Amino acid sequence: MAFLAFCFLMGLIAKTSWDFISNDKERRKLIEEYRLKPLSHLFLLVWMVFSVMFFIGIFVPVFGELEITDSGWQVWKVGIIGTFGCWVFTWFVDIDKIDQAP
């Protein structure tokens, strides 16, 4: 099941990247969406980075066993803590309303 989630995440990233590079209309649409809600998109980008760190750290042990600092934290450990931290953050904060001024 985790492998299917990993494949879906990689496919989503690849498709969005390809559309951004190859399709001018899609590029303008994505840039406009980012301009309207920069904090929401930044949060989702961080969440995706943590998810990729976790999944690649699990499925590619050579990468996952790398220590990020001298503290001994490995890539997959940082990825899982960040992924679940972002998930818990969504319980308390509506991501779509982050960009609205109070």
C-alpha atoms as a PDB file:
ATOM      1  CA  MET A   1       0.000   0.000   0.000  1.00  0.00           C
ATOM      2  CA  ALA A   2       2.817   2.401   0.845  1.00  0.00           C
ATOM      3  CA  PHE A   3       4.467   1.598  -2.473  1.00  0.00           C
ATOM      4  CA  LEU A   4       1.260   2.540  -4.305  1.00  0.00           C
ATOM      5  CA  ALA A   5       1.129   5.828  -2.392  1.00  0.00           C
ATOM      6  CA  PHE A   6       4.773   6.434  -3.323  1.00  0.00           C
ATOM      7  CA  CYS A   7       4.062   5.733  -7.004  1.00  0.00           C
ATOM      8  CA  PHE A   8       1.051   8.059  -6.931  1.00  0.00           C
ATOM      9  CA  LEU A   9       3.086  10.847  -5.304  1.00  0.00           C
ATOM     10  CA  MET A  10       5.931  10.487  -7.810  1.00  0.00           C
ATOM     11  CA  GLY A  11       3.456  10.422 -10.703  1.00  0.00           C
ATOM     12  CA  LEU A  12       1.759  13.567  -9.437  1.00  0.00           C
ATOM     13  CA  ILE A  13       5.084  15.384  -9.109  1.00  0.00           C
ATOM     14  CA  ALA A  14       6.250  14.215 -12.541  1.00  0.00           C
ATOM     15  CA  LYS A  15       2.975  15.171 -14.269  1.00  0.00           C
ATOM     16  CA  THR A  16       2.850  18.621 -12.690  1.00  0.00           C
ATOM     17  CA  SER A  17       6.514  19.248 -13.508  1.00  0.00           C
ATOM     18  CA  TRP A  18       6.049  18.112 -17.105  1.00  0.00           C
ATOM     19  CA  ASP A  19       2.977  20.309 -17.558  1.00  0.00           C
ATOM     20  CA  PHE A  20       4.834  23.282 -16.097  1.00  0.00           C
ATOM     21  CA  ILE A  21       7.778  22.789 -18.459  1.00  0.00           C
ATOM     22  CA  SER A  22       5.940  21.907 -21.661  1.00  0.00           C
ATOM     23  CA  ASN A  23       2.592  23.715 -21.550  1.00  0.00           C
ATOM     24  CA  ASP A  24       2.590  27.514 -21.521  1.00  0.00           C
ATOM     25  CA  LYS A  25      -1.097  27.762 -20.589  1.00  0.00           C
ATOM     26  CA  GLU A  26      -0.653  25.368 -17.661  1.00  0.00           C
ATOM     27  CA  ARG A  27       2.468  27.251 -16.547  1.00  0.00           C
ATOM     28  CA  ARG A  28       0.557  30.545 -16.415  1.00  0.00           C
ATOM     29  CA  LYS A  29      -2.276  28.858 -14.502  1.00  0.00           C
ATOM     30  CA  LEU A  30       0.085  27.368 -11.908  1.00  0.00           C
ATOM     31  CA  ILE A  31       1.950  30.654 -11.445  1.00  0.00           C
ATOM     32  CA  GLU A  32      -1.335  32.527 -10.998  1.00  0.00           C
ATOM     33  CA  GLU A  33      -2.528  29.988  -8.408  1.00  0.00           C
ATOM     34  CA  TYR A  34       0.761  30.377  -6.558  1.00  0.00           C
ATOM     35  CA  ARG A  35       0.493  34.169  -6.693  1.00  0.00           C
ATOM     36  CA  LEU A  36      -2.975  34.071  -5.120  1.00  0.00           C
ATOM     37  CA  LYS A  37      -2.128  31.596  -2.328  1.00  0.00           C
ATOM     38  CA  PRO A  38       1.631  31.534  -1.727  1.00  0.00           C
ATOM     39  CA  LEU A  39       1.564  30.236   1.874  1.00  0.00           C
ATOM     40  CA  SER A  40      -0.786  27.369   1.037  1.00  0.00           C
ATOM     41  CA  HIS A  41       1.435  26.282  -1.828  1.00  0.00           C
ATOM     42  CA  LEU A  42       4.574  26.648   0.280  1.00  0.00           C
ATOM     43  CA  PHE A  43       3.029  24.454   2.995  1.00  0.00           C
ATOM     44  CA  LEU A  44       2.082  21.791   0.434  1.00  0.00           C
ATOM     45  CA  LEU A  45       5.581  21.937  -1.081  1.00  0.00           C
ATOM     46  CA  VAL A  46       7.165  21.340   2.337  1.00  0.00           C
ATOM     47  CA  TRP A  47       4.709  18.509   3.005  1.00  0.00           C
ATOM     48  CA  MET A  48       5.573  16.874  -0.330  1.00  0.00           C
ATOM     49  CA  VAL A  49       9.313  17.212   0.337  1.00  0.00           C
ATOM     50  CA  PHE A  50       8.913  15.458   3.694  1.00  0.00           C
ATOM     51  CA  SER A  51       6.779  12.751   2.050  1.00  0.00           C
ATOM     52  CA  VAL A  52       9.369  12.151  -0.663  1.00  0.00           C
ATOM     53  CA  MET A  53      12.149  12.042   1.951  1.00  0.00           C
ATOM     54  CA  PHE A  54      10.212   9.411   3.881  1.00  0.00           C
ATOM     55  CA  PHE A  55       9.196   7.213   0.943  1.00  0.00           C
ATOM     56  CA  ILE A  56      12.566   7.336  -0.817  1.00  0.00           C
ATOM     57  CA  GLY A  57      14.270   6.792   2.527  1.00  0.00           C
ATOM     58  CA  ILE A  58      12.221   3.627   3.021  1.00  0.00           C
ATOM     59  CA  PHE A  59      12.397   2.229  -0.524  1.00  0.00           C
ATOM     60  CA  VAL A  60      16.029   3.214  -1.205  1.00  0.00           C
ATOM     61  CA  PRO A  61      17.831   2.250   2.011  1.00  0.00           C
ATOM     62  CA  VAL A  62      21.166   3.617   0.778  1.00  0.00           C
ATOM     63  CA  PHE A  63      19.621   7.086   0.738  1.00  0.00           C
ATOM     64  CA  GLY A  64      17.447   6.560   3.807  1.00  0.00           C
ATOM     65  CA  GLU A  65      20.343   5.596   6.066  1.00  0.00           C
ATOM     66  CA  LEU A  66      22.237   8.850   5.434  1.00  0.00           C
ATOM     67  CA  GLU A  67      22.595  10.944   8.553  1.00  0.00           C
ATOM     68  CA  ILE A  68      21.533  14.547   8.064  1.00  0.00           C
ATOM     69  CA  THR A  69      23.489  15.996  10.995  1.00  0.00           C
ATOM     70  CA  ASP A  70      25.822  14.777  13.712  1.00  0.00           C
ATOM     71  CA  SER A  71      22.789  14.074  15.896  1.00  0.00           C
ATOM     72  CA  GLY A  72      22.201  10.786  14.079  1.00  0.00           C
ATOM     73  CA  TRP A  73      18.870  11.669  12.449  1.00  0.00           C
ATOM     74  CA  GLN A  74      18.476   9.699   9.240  1.00  0.00           C
ATOM     75  CA  VAL A  75      16.645  10.922   6.142  1.00  0.00           C
ATOM     76  CA  TRP A  76      13.624   8.649   6.552  1.00  0.00           C
ATOM     77  CA  LYS A  77      13.215   9.632  10.224  1.00  0.00           C
ATOM     78  CA  VAL A  78      13.150  13.335   9.403  1.00  0.00           C
ATOM     79  CA  GLY A  79      10.746  12.588   6.560  1.00  0.00           C
ATOM     80  CA  ILE A  80       8.262  10.689   8.716  1.00  0.00           C
ATOM     81  CA  ILE A  81       8.325  13.268  11.518  1.00  0.00           C
ATOM     82  CA  GLY A  82       7.808  16.096   9.023  1.00  0.00           C
ATOM     83  CA  THR A  83       5.060  14.249   7.143  1.00  0.00           C
ATOM     84  CA  PHE A  84       3.062  13.486  10.258  1.00  0.00           C
ATOM     85  CA  GLY A  85       3.774  16.949  11.653  1.00  0.00           C
ATOM     86  CA  CYS A  86       2.256  18.543   8.554  1.00  0.00           C
ATOM     87  CA  TRP A  87      -0.684  16.144   8.730  1.00  0.00           C
ATOM     88  CA  VAL A  88      -1.365  17.066  12.361  1.00  0.00           C
ATOM     89  CA  PHE A  89      -1.027  20.761  11.445  1.00  0.00           C
ATOM     90  CA  THR A  90      -3.940  20.338   9.029  1.00  0.00           C
ATOM     91  CA  TRP A  91      -6.174  19.228  11.917  1.00  0.00           C
ATOM     92  CA  PHE A  92      -5.933  22.666  13.485  1.00  0.00           C
ATOM     93  CA  VAL A  93      -5.423  25.024  10.540  1.00  0.00           C
ATOM     94  CA  ASP A  94      -7.445  25.231   7.332  1.00  0.00           C
ATOM     95  CA  ILE A  95      -4.775  25.334   4.629  1.00  0.00           C
ATOM     96  CA  ASP A  96      -7.019  27.169   2.172  1.00  0.00           C
ATOM     97  CA  LYS A  97      -7.436  30.036   4.639  1.00  0.00           C
ATOM     98  CA  ILE A  98      -3.764  30.492   5.578  1.00  0.00           C
ATOM     99  CA  ASP A  99      -3.321  33.265   3.027  1.00  0.00           C
ATOM    100  CA  GLN A 100      -6.265  35.336   4.212  1.00  0.00           C
ATOM    101  CA  ALA A 101      -5.430  38.303   6.412  1.00  0.00           C
ATOM    102  CA  PRO A 102      -6.959  38.149   9.919  1.00  0.00           C
END
